PDB file of N, CA and C in Angstrom:
ATOM      1  N   MET A   1     270.333 175.116 246.120  1.00  0.00           N
ATOM      2  CA  MET A   1     269.577 173.882 246.139  1.00  0.00           C
ATOM      3  C   MET A   1     270.032 172.967 247.260  1.00  0.00           C
ATOM      4  N   SER A   2     271.325 172.855 247.518  1.00  0.00           N
ATOM      5  CA  SER A   2     271.790 171.951 248.550  1.00  0.00           C
ATOM      6  C   SER A   2     271.299 172.394 249.942  1.00  0.00           C
ATOM      7  N   MET A   3     271.127 173.709 250.142  1.00  0.00           N
ATOM      8  CA  MET A   3     270.636 174.186 251.412  1.00  0.00           C
ATOM      9  C   MET A   3     269.209 173.702 251.670  1.00  0.00           C
ATOM     10  N   ILE A   4     268.378 173.732 250.648  1.00  0.00           N
ATOM     11  CA  ILE A   4     266.989 173.255 250.789  1.00  0.00           C
ATOM     12  C   ILE A   4     266.975 171.758 250.937  1.00  0.00           C
ATOM     13  N   LYS A   5     267.720 171.036 250.093  1.00  0.00           N
ATOM     14  CA  LYS A   5     267.687 169.597 250.096  1.00  0.00           C
ATOM     15  C   LYS A   5     268.128 169.034 251.449  1.00  0.00           C
ATOM     16  N   SER A   6     269.063 169.668 252.118  1.00  0.00           N
ATOM     17  CA  SER A   6     269.555 169.164 253.390  1.00  0.00           C
ATOM     18  C   SER A   6     268.487 169.247 254.493  1.00  0.00           C
ATOM     19  N   SER A   7     267.488 170.097 254.309  1.00  0.00           N
ATOM     20  CA  SER A   7     266.464 170.243 255.335  1.00  0.00           C
ATOM     21  C   SER A   7     265.205 169.417 255.059  1.00  0.00           C
ATOM     22  N   ILE A   8     265.189 168.656 253.993  1.00  0.00           N
ATOM     23  CA  ILE A   8     264.031 167.838 253.650  1.00  0.00           C
ATOM     24  C   ILE A   8     264.007 166.617 254.587  1.00  0.00           C
ATOM     25  N   ILE A   9     262.819 166.344 255.145  1.00  0.00           N
ATOM     26  CA  ILE A   9     262.615 165.191 256.017  1.00  0.00           C
ATOM     27  C   ILE A   9     261.750 164.183 255.261  1.00  0.00           C
ATOM     28  N   ASP A  10     262.242 162.941 255.152  1.00  0.00           N
ATOM     29  CA  ASP A  10     261.455 161.889 254.499  1.00  0.00           C
ATOM     30  C   ASP A  10     260.229 161.522 255.323  1.00  0.00           C
ATOM     31  N   VAL A  11     259.087 161.409 254.640  1.00  0.00           N
ATOM     32  CA  VAL A  11     257.822 161.032 255.300  1.00  0.00           C
ATOM     33  C   VAL A  11     257.084 160.047 254.403  1.00  0.00           C
ATOM     34  N   ASP A  12     256.025 159.449 254.921  1.00  0.00           N
ATOM     35  CA  ASP A  12     255.222 158.532 254.145  1.00  0.00           C
ATOM     36  C   ASP A  12     254.064 159.205 253.389  1.00  0.00           C
ATOM     37  N   LEU A  13     253.643 160.375 253.923  1.00  0.00           N
ATOM     38  CA  LEU A  13     252.475 161.051 253.379  1.00  0.00           C
ATOM     39  C   LEU A  13     252.574 162.554 253.623  1.00  0.00           C
ATOM     40  N   VAL A  14     252.083 163.302 252.649  1.00  0.00           N
ATOM     41  CA  VAL A  14     252.015 164.784 252.786  1.00  0.00           C
ATOM     42  C   VAL A  14     250.557 165.167 252.707  1.00  0.00           C
ATOM     43  N   LYS A  15     250.123 166.088 253.544  1.00  0.00           N
ATOM     44  CA  LYS A  15     248.700 166.516 253.544  1.00  0.00           C
ATOM     45  C   LYS A  15     248.336 167.088 252.179  1.00  0.00           C
ATOM     46  N   GLY A  16     247.119 166.842 251.781  1.00  0.00           N
ATOM     47  CA  GLY A  16     246.637 167.302 250.484  1.00  0.00           C
ATOM     48  C   GLY A  16     246.359 168.778 250.388  1.00  0.00           C
ATOM     49  N   SER A  17     246.297 169.460 251.528  1.00  0.00           N
ATOM     50  CA  SER A  17     245.998 170.884 251.483  1.00  0.00           C
ATOM     51  C   SER A  17     247.133 171.693 250.880  1.00  0.00           C
ATOM     52  N   PHE A  18     248.345 171.134 250.877  1.00  0.00           N
ATOM     53  CA  PHE A  18     249.464 171.836 250.284  1.00  0.00           C
ATOM     54  C   PHE A  18     250.582 170.842 249.986  1.00  0.00           C
ATOM     55  N   PHE A  19     250.747 170.498 248.715  1.00  0.00           N
ATOM     56  CA  PHE A  19     251.876 169.658 248.340  1.00  0.00           C
ATOM     57  C   PHE A  19     252.253 169.954 246.916  1.00  0.00           C
ATOM     58  N   ALA A  20     253.447 169.545 246.574  1.00  0.00           N
ATOM     59  CA  ALA A  20     253.940 169.688 245.190  1.00  0.00           C
ATOM     60  C   ALA A  20     254.521 168.360 244.780  1.00  0.00           C
ATOM     61  N   VAL A  21     254.413 168.061 243.516  1.00  0.00           N
ATOM     62  CA  VAL A  21     254.970 166.800 242.991  1.00  0.00           C
ATOM     63  C   VAL A  21     255.582 167.101 241.625  1.00  0.00           C
ATOM     64  N   ARG A  22     256.698 166.469 241.371  1.00  0.00           N
ATOM     65  CA  ARG A  22     257.363 166.618 240.076  1.00  0.00           C
ATOM     66  C   ARG A  22     256.405 166.106 238.995  1.00  0.00           C
ATOM     67  N   LEU A  23     256.198 166.878 237.945  1.00  0.00           N
ATOM     68  CA  LEU A  23     255.250 166.467 236.892  1.00  0.00           C
ATOM     69  C   LEU A  23     255.623 165.133 236.293  1.00  0.00           C
ATOM     70  N   SER A  24     256.916 164.882 236.090  1.00  0.00           N
ATOM     71  CA  SER A  24     257.345 163.617 235.505  1.00  0.00           C
ATOM     72  C   SER A  24     256.975 162.439 236.426  1.00  0.00           C
ATOM     73  N   ASP A  25     257.121 162.616 237.747  1.00  0.00           N
ATOM     74  CA  ASP A  25     256.739 161.561 238.705  1.00  0.00           C
ATOM     75  C   ASP A  25     255.223 161.385 238.700  1.00  0.00           C
ATOM     76  N   PHE A  26     254.499 162.484 238.671  1.00  0.00           N
ATOM     77  CA  PHE A  26     253.027 162.450 238.649  1.00  0.00           C
ATOM     78  C   PHE A  26     252.563 161.689 237.412  1.00  0.00           C
ATOM     79  N   HIS A  27     253.171 161.952 236.280  1.00  0.00           N
ATOM     80  CA  HIS A  27     252.860 161.257 235.032  1.00  0.00           C
ATOM     81  C   HIS A  27     253.211 159.779 235.144  1.00  0.00           C
ATOM     82  N   ASP A  28     254.409 159.474 235.669  1.00  0.00           N
ATOM     83  CA  ASP A  28     254.866 158.093 235.763  1.00  0.00           C
ATOM     84  C   ASP A  28     253.936 157.195 236.592  1.00  0.00           C
ATOM     85  N   VAL A  29     253.300 157.748 237.604  1.00  0.00           N
ATOM     86  CA  VAL A  29     252.413 156.933 238.457  1.00  0.00           C
ATOM     87  C   VAL A  29     250.937 157.012 238.021  1.00  0.00           C
ATOM     88  N   GLY A  30     250.681 157.664 236.906  1.00  0.00           N
ATOM     89  CA  GLY A  30     249.329 157.702 236.368  1.00  0.00           C
ATOM     90  C   GLY A  30     248.414 158.771 236.957  1.00  0.00           C
ATOM     91  N   TYR A  31     249.006 159.824 237.482  1.00  0.00           N
ATOM     92  CA  TYR A  31     248.247 160.959 238.002  1.00  0.00           C
ATOM     93  C   TYR A  31     247.359 160.517 239.190  1.00  0.00           C
ATOM     94  N   PHE A  32     246.295 161.313 239.467  1.00  0.00           N
ATOM     95  CA  PHE A  32     245.360 160.958 240.533  1.00  0.00           C
ATOM     96  C   PHE A  32     244.479 159.831 240.048  1.00  0.00           C
ATOM     97  N   ASP A  33     243.930 159.100 240.988  1.00  0.00           N
ATOM     98  CA  ASP A  33     242.933 158.054 240.693  1.00  0.00           C
ATOM     99  C   ASP A  33     241.618 158.775 240.441  1.00  0.00           C
ATOM    100  N   GLU A  34     241.128 158.728 239.233  1.00  0.00           N
ATOM    101  CA  GLU A  34     239.923 159.469 238.861  1.00  0.00           C
ATOM    102  C   GLU A  34     238.647 158.918 239.494  1.00  0.00           C
ATOM    103  N   SER A  35     238.707 157.712 240.061  1.00  0.00           N
ATOM    104  CA  SER A  35     237.535 157.156 240.703  1.00  0.00           C
ATOM    105  C   SER A  35     237.358 157.652 242.144  1.00  0.00           C
ATOM    106  N   VAL A  36     238.337 158.435 242.597  1.00  0.00           N
ATOM    107  CA  VAL A  36     238.293 158.995 243.964  1.00  0.00           C
ATOM    108  C   VAL A  36     238.022 160.474 243.851  1.00  0.00           C
ATOM    109  N   PHE A  37     237.021 160.974 244.595  1.00  0.00           N
ATOM    110  CA  PHE A  37     236.716 162.383 244.557  1.00  0.00           C
ATOM    111  C   PHE A  37     237.281 163.072 245.784  1.00  0.00           C
ATOM    112  N   LEU A  38     238.234 163.931 245.601  1.00  0.00           N
ATOM    113  CA  LEU A  38     238.737 164.878 246.589  1.00  0.00           C
ATOM    114  C   LEU A  38     239.405 164.287 247.823  1.00  0.00           C
ATOM    115  N   PHE A  39     238.729 163.512 248.622  1.00  0.00           N
ATOM    116  CA  PHE A  39     239.301 163.072 249.868  1.00  0.00           C
ATOM    117  C   PHE A  39     240.116 161.796 249.682  1.00  0.00           C
ATOM    118  N   CYS A  40     241.241 161.699 250.337  1.00  0.00           N
ATOM    119  CA  CYS A  40     242.168 160.559 250.326  1.00  0.00           C
ATOM    120  C   CYS A  40     243.041 160.477 249.065  1.00  0.00           C
ATOM    121  N   GLU A  41     242.895 161.430 248.170  1.00  0.00           N
ATOM    122  CA  GLU A  41     243.730 161.421 246.941  1.00  0.00           C
ATOM    123  C   GLU A  41     245.205 161.400 247.274  1.00  0.00           C
ATOM    124  N   GLU A  42     245.619 162.191 248.287  1.00  0.00           N
ATOM    125  CA  GLU A  42     247.047 162.271 248.600  1.00  0.00           C
ATOM    126  C   GLU A  42     247.582 160.943 249.143  1.00  0.00           C
ATOM    127  N   ARG A  43     246.740 160.190 249.844  1.00  0.00           N
ATOM    128  CA  ARG A  43     247.181 158.868 250.372  1.00  0.00           C
ATOM    129  C   ARG A  43     247.407 157.894 249.234  1.00  0.00           C
ATOM    130  N   ILE A  44     246.487 157.883 248.280  1.00  0.00           N
ATOM    131  CA  ILE A  44     246.627 157.003 247.134  1.00  0.00           C
ATOM    132  C   ILE A  44     247.838 157.398 246.298  1.00  0.00           C
ATOM    133  N   LEU A  45     248.004 158.687 246.081  1.00  0.00           N
ATOM    134  CA  LEU A  45     249.191 159.163 245.324  1.00  0.00           C
ATOM    135  C   LEU A  45     250.474 158.810 246.031  1.00  0.00           C
ATOM    136  N   ALA A  46     250.494 158.956 247.356  1.00  0.00           N
ATOM    137  CA  ALA A  46     251.709 158.613 248.138  1.00  0.00           C
ATOM    138  C   ALA A  46     252.059 157.138 247.957  1.00  0.00           C
ATOM    139  N   LYS A  47     251.060 156.276 248.038  1.00  0.00           N
ATOM    140  CA  LYS A  47     251.325 154.804 247.851  1.00  0.00           C
ATOM    141  C   LYS A  47     251.846 154.514 246.453  1.00  0.00           C
ATOM    142  N   LYS A  48     251.279 155.178 245.462  1.00  0.00           N
ATOM    143  CA  LYS A  48     251.727 154.978 244.081  1.00  0.00           C
ATOM    144  C   LYS A  48     253.170 155.444 243.909  1.00  0.00           C
ATOM    145  N   LEU A  49     253.506 156.574 244.519  1.00  0.00           N
ATOM    146  CA  LEU A  49     254.874 157.095 244.449  1.00  0.00           C
ATOM    147  C   LEU A  49     255.840 156.178 245.169  1.00  0.00           C
ATOM    148  N   GLN A  50     255.444 155.665 246.324  1.00  0.00           N
ATOM    149  CA  GLN A  50     256.304 154.735 247.063  1.00  0.00           C
ATOM    150  C   GLN A  50     256.549 153.455 246.277  1.00  0.00           C
ATOM    151  N   LYS A  51     255.503 152.935 245.650  1.00  0.00           N
ATOM    152  CA  LYS A  51     255.673 151.736 244.809  1.00  0.00           C
ATOM    153  C   LYS A  51     256.621 151.965 243.651  1.00  0.00           C
ATOM    154  N   ALA A  52     256.677 153.206 243.170  1.00  0.00           N
ATOM    155  CA  ALA A  52     257.551 153.591 242.067  1.00  0.00           C
ATOM    156  C   ALA A  52     258.942 154.005 242.589  1.00  0.00           C
ATOM    157  N   ASN A  53     259.202 153.758 243.885  1.00  0.00           N
ATOM    158  CA  ASN A  53     260.490 154.092 244.514  1.00  0.00           C
ATOM    159  C   ASN A  53     260.800 155.584 244.470  1.00  0.00           C
ATOM    160  N   LYS A  54     259.783 156.413 244.555  1.00  0.00           N
ATOM    161  CA  LYS A  54     259.966 157.868 244.625  1.00  0.00           C
ATOM    162  C   LYS A  54     259.970 158.282 246.089  1.00  0.00           C
ATOM    163  N   LYS A  55     260.712 159.338 246.403  1.00  0.00           N
ATOM    164  CA  LYS A  55     260.794 159.834 247.763  1.00  0.00           C
ATOM    165  C   LYS A  55     259.710 160.863 248.033  1.00  0.00           C
ATOM    166  N   ILE A  56     259.206 160.868 249.273  1.00  0.00           N
ATOM    167  CA  ILE A  56     258.237 161.821 249.716  1.00  0.00           C
ATOM    168  C   ILE A  56     258.851 162.554 250.913  1.00  0.00           C
ATOM    169  N   GLY A  57     258.797 163.860 250.896  1.00  0.00           N
ATOM    170  CA  GLY A  57     259.422 164.615 251.991  1.00  0.00           C
ATOM    171  C   GLY A  57     258.724 165.915 252.262  1.00  0.00           C
ATOM    172  N   ILE A  58     259.099 166.495 253.378  1.00  0.00           N
ATOM    173  CA  ILE A  58     258.572 167.804 253.784  1.00  0.00           C
ATOM    174  C   ILE A  58     259.710 168.758 254.084  1.00  0.00           C
ATOM    175  N   LEU A  59     259.429 170.021 253.924  1.00  0.00           N
ATOM    176  CA  LEU A  59     260.331 171.104 254.371  1.00  0.00           C
ATOM    177  C   LEU A  59     259.730 171.646 255.668  1.00  0.00           C
ATOM    178  N   PRO A  60     260.287 171.274 256.813  1.00  0.00           N
ATOM    179  CA  PRO A  60     259.658 171.689 258.081  1.00  0.00           C
ATOM    180  C   PRO A  60     259.596 173.190 258.284  1.00  0.00           C
ATOM    181  N   GLU A  61     260.456 173.927 257.634  1.00  0.00           N
ATOM    182  CA  GLU A  61     260.417 175.397 257.819  1.00  0.00           C
ATOM    183  C   GLU A  61     259.393 176.065 256.907  1.00  0.00           C
ATOM    184  N   ALA A  62     258.810 175.324 255.957  1.00  0.00           N
ATOM    185  CA  ALA A  62     257.800 175.893 255.055  1.00  0.00           C
ATOM    186  C   ALA A  62     256.502 176.134 255.814  1.00  0.00           C
ATOM    187  N   LYS A  63     255.864 177.256 255.526  1.00  0.00           N
ATOM    188  CA  LYS A  63     254.593 177.597 256.176  1.00  0.00           C
ATOM    189  C   LYS A  63     253.586 178.011 255.070  1.00  0.00           C
ATOM    190  N   TYR A  64     252.337 177.730 255.341  1.00  0.00           N
ATOM    191  CA  TYR A  64     251.259 178.148 254.440  1.00  0.00           C
ATOM    192  C   TYR A  64     249.990 178.310 255.237  1.00  0.00           C
ATOM    193  N   TYR A  65     249.036 179.048 254.668  1.00  0.00           N
ATOM    194  CA  TYR A  65     247.744 179.250 255.301  1.00  0.00           C
ATOM    195  C   TYR A  65     246.713 178.449 254.529  1.00  0.00           C
ATOM    196  N   HIS A  66     246.014 177.547 255.222  1.00  0.00           N
ATOM    197  CA  HIS A  66     244.968 176.737 254.614  1.00  0.00           C
ATOM    198  C   HIS A  66     243.608 177.266 255.032  1.00  0.00           C
ATOM    199  N   ASN A  67     242.845 177.751 254.091  1.00  0.00           N
ATOM    200  CA  ASN A  67     241.547 178.355 254.382  1.00  0.00           C
ATOM    201  C   ASN A  67     240.448 177.299 254.438  1.00  0.00           C
ATOM    202  N   HIS A  68     240.751 176.175 255.010  1.00  0.00           N
ATOM    203  CA  HIS A  68     239.838 175.048 255.229  1.00  0.00           C
ATOM    204  C   HIS A  68     239.041 174.740 253.979  1.00  0.00           C
ATOM    205  N   SER A  69     237.748 174.610 254.070  1.00  0.00           N
ATOM    206  CA  SER A  69     236.927 174.138 252.955  1.00  0.00           C
ATOM    207  C   SER A  69     236.236 175.260 252.182  1.00  0.00           C
ATOM    208  N   THR A  70     236.757 176.433 252.217  1.00  0.00           N
ATOM    209  CA  THR A  70     236.112 177.564 251.571  1.00  0.00           C
ATOM    210  C   THR A  70     235.835 177.289 250.091  1.00  0.00           C
ATOM    211  N   SER A  71     236.850 176.862 249.370  1.00  0.00           N
ATOM    212  CA  SER A  71     236.676 176.640 247.947  1.00  0.00           C
ATOM    213  C   SER A  71     235.773 175.450 247.656  1.00  0.00           C
ATOM    214  N   ILE A  72     235.842 174.431 248.501  1.00  0.00           N
ATOM    215  CA  ILE A  72     234.989 173.254 248.321  1.00  0.00           C
ATOM    216  C   ILE A  72     233.527 173.641 248.545  1.00  0.00           C
ATOM    217  N   ASN A  73     233.262 174.350 249.645  1.00  0.00           N
ATOM    218  CA  ASN A  73     231.900 174.770 249.952  1.00  0.00           C
ATOM    219  C   ASN A  73     231.326 175.633 248.831  1.00  0.00           C
ATOM    220  N   GLU A  74     232.130 176.507 248.279  1.00  0.00           N
ATOM    221  CA  GLU A  74     231.694 177.380 247.192  1.00  0.00           C
ATOM    222  C   GLU A  74     231.368 176.558 245.946  1.00  0.00           C
ATOM    223  N   LYS A  75     232.178 175.546 245.677  1.00  0.00           N
ATOM    224  CA  LYS A  75     231.942 174.679 244.516  1.00  0.00           C
ATOM    225  C   LYS A  75     230.621 173.929 244.651  1.00  0.00           C
ATOM    226  N   TYR A  76     230.367 173.380 245.853  1.00  0.00           N
ATOM    227  CA  TYR A  76     229.102 172.670 246.078  1.00  0.00           C
ATOM    228  C   TYR A  76     227.895 173.597 245.990  1.00  0.00           C
ATOM    229  N   LYS A  77     228.065 174.802 246.504  1.00  0.00           N
ATOM    230  CA  LYS A  77     226.977 175.789 246.462  1.00  0.00           C
ATOM    231  C   LYS A  77     226.598 176.093 245.022  1.00  0.00           C
ATOM    232  N   LYS A  78     227.604 176.304 244.157  1.00  0.00           N
ATOM    233  CA  LYS A  78     227.342 176.577 242.757  1.00  0.00           C
ATOM    234  C   LYS A  78     226.687 175.361 242.070  1.00  0.00           C
ATOM    235  N   LYS A  79     227.182 174.171 242.402  1.00  0.00           N
ATOM    236  CA  LYS A  79     226.632 172.960 241.786  1.00  0.00           C
ATOM    237  C   LYS A  79     225.163 172.781 242.197  1.00  0.00           C
ATOM    238  N   LYS A  80     224.884 173.027 243.489  1.00  0.00           N
ATOM    239  CA  LYS A  80     223.507 172.900 243.988  1.00  0.00           C
ATOM    240  C   LYS A  80     222.602 173.896 243.245  1.00  0.00           C
ATOM    241  N   GLU A  81     223.076 175.126 243.070  1.00  0.00           N
ATOM    242  CA  GLU A  81     222.299 176.127 242.365  1.00  0.00           C
ATOM    243  C   GLU A  81     221.997 175.687 240.912  1.00  0.00           C
ATOM    244  N   GLN A  82     222.975 175.073 240.267  1.00  0.00           N
ATOM    245  CA  GLN A  82     222.772 174.583 238.902  1.00  0.00           C
ATOM    246  C   GLN A  82     221.717 173.486 238.889  1.00  0.00           C
ATOM    247  N   ILE A  83     221.805 172.562 239.808  1.00  0.00           N
ATOM    248  CA  ILE A  83     220.853 171.447 239.862  1.00  0.00           C
ATOM    249  C   ILE A  83     219.426 171.967 240.143  1.00  0.00           C
ATOM    250  N   VAL A  84     219.289 172.902 241.081  1.00  0.00           N
ATOM    251  CA  VAL A  84     217.987 173.480 241.377  1.00  0.00           C
ATOM    252  C   VAL A  84     217.404 174.193 240.134  1.00  0.00           C
ATOM    253  N   LEU A  85     218.255 174.945 239.442  1.00  0.00           N
ATOM    254  CA  LEU A  85     217.774 175.609 238.208  1.00  0.00           C
ATOM    255  C   LEU A  85     217.311 174.600 237.176  1.00  0.00           C
ATOM    256  N   LEU A  86     218.081 173.540 236.976  1.00  0.00           N
ATOM    257  CA  LEU A  86     217.685 172.519 236.028  1.00  0.00           C
ATOM    258  C   LEU A  86     216.397 171.803 236.442  1.00  0.00           C
ATOM    259  N   TYR A  87     216.299 171.530 237.739  1.00  0.00           N
ATOM    260  CA  TYR A  87     215.097 170.860 238.244  1.00  0.00           C
ATOM    261  C   TYR A  87     213.851 171.753 238.050  1.00  0.00           C
ATOM    262  N   ASN A  88     213.987 173.020 238.382  1.00  0.00           N
ATOM    263  CA  ASN A  88     212.866 173.958 238.243  1.00  0.00           C
ATOM    264  C   ASN A  88     212.507 174.254 236.791  1.00  0.00           C
ATOM    265  N   ALA A  89     213.440 174.052 235.877  1.00  0.00           N
ATOM    266  CA  ALA A  89     213.194 174.317 234.465  1.00  0.00           C
ATOM    267  C   ALA A  89     212.510 173.175 233.729  1.00  0.00           C
ATOM    268  N   ARG A  90     212.295 172.067 234.386  1.00  0.00           N
ATOM    269  CA  ARG A  90     211.712 170.907 233.684  1.00  0.00           C
ATOM    270  C   ARG A  90     210.238 171.042 233.425  1.00  0.00           C
TER     271      ARG A  90
END
């Protein structure tokens, strides 16, 4: 654990495409703002964590592959299909 902790760099914000948060901290700040859909959630969460005196950091050696908006586009496609089916069924 000390090897990982020594390489953490403090930051103000972590990208939403890949982040982790301690469940207890997530609970303490009231989770995500439900009035916000998808975009900017990580910024709001970061501000809430900072106000609660929680640290935000990154592991610069960590790597991940972000497949852009594939899952989002698929979700919208399915939702659109549902709406079209409901509209046509009226």
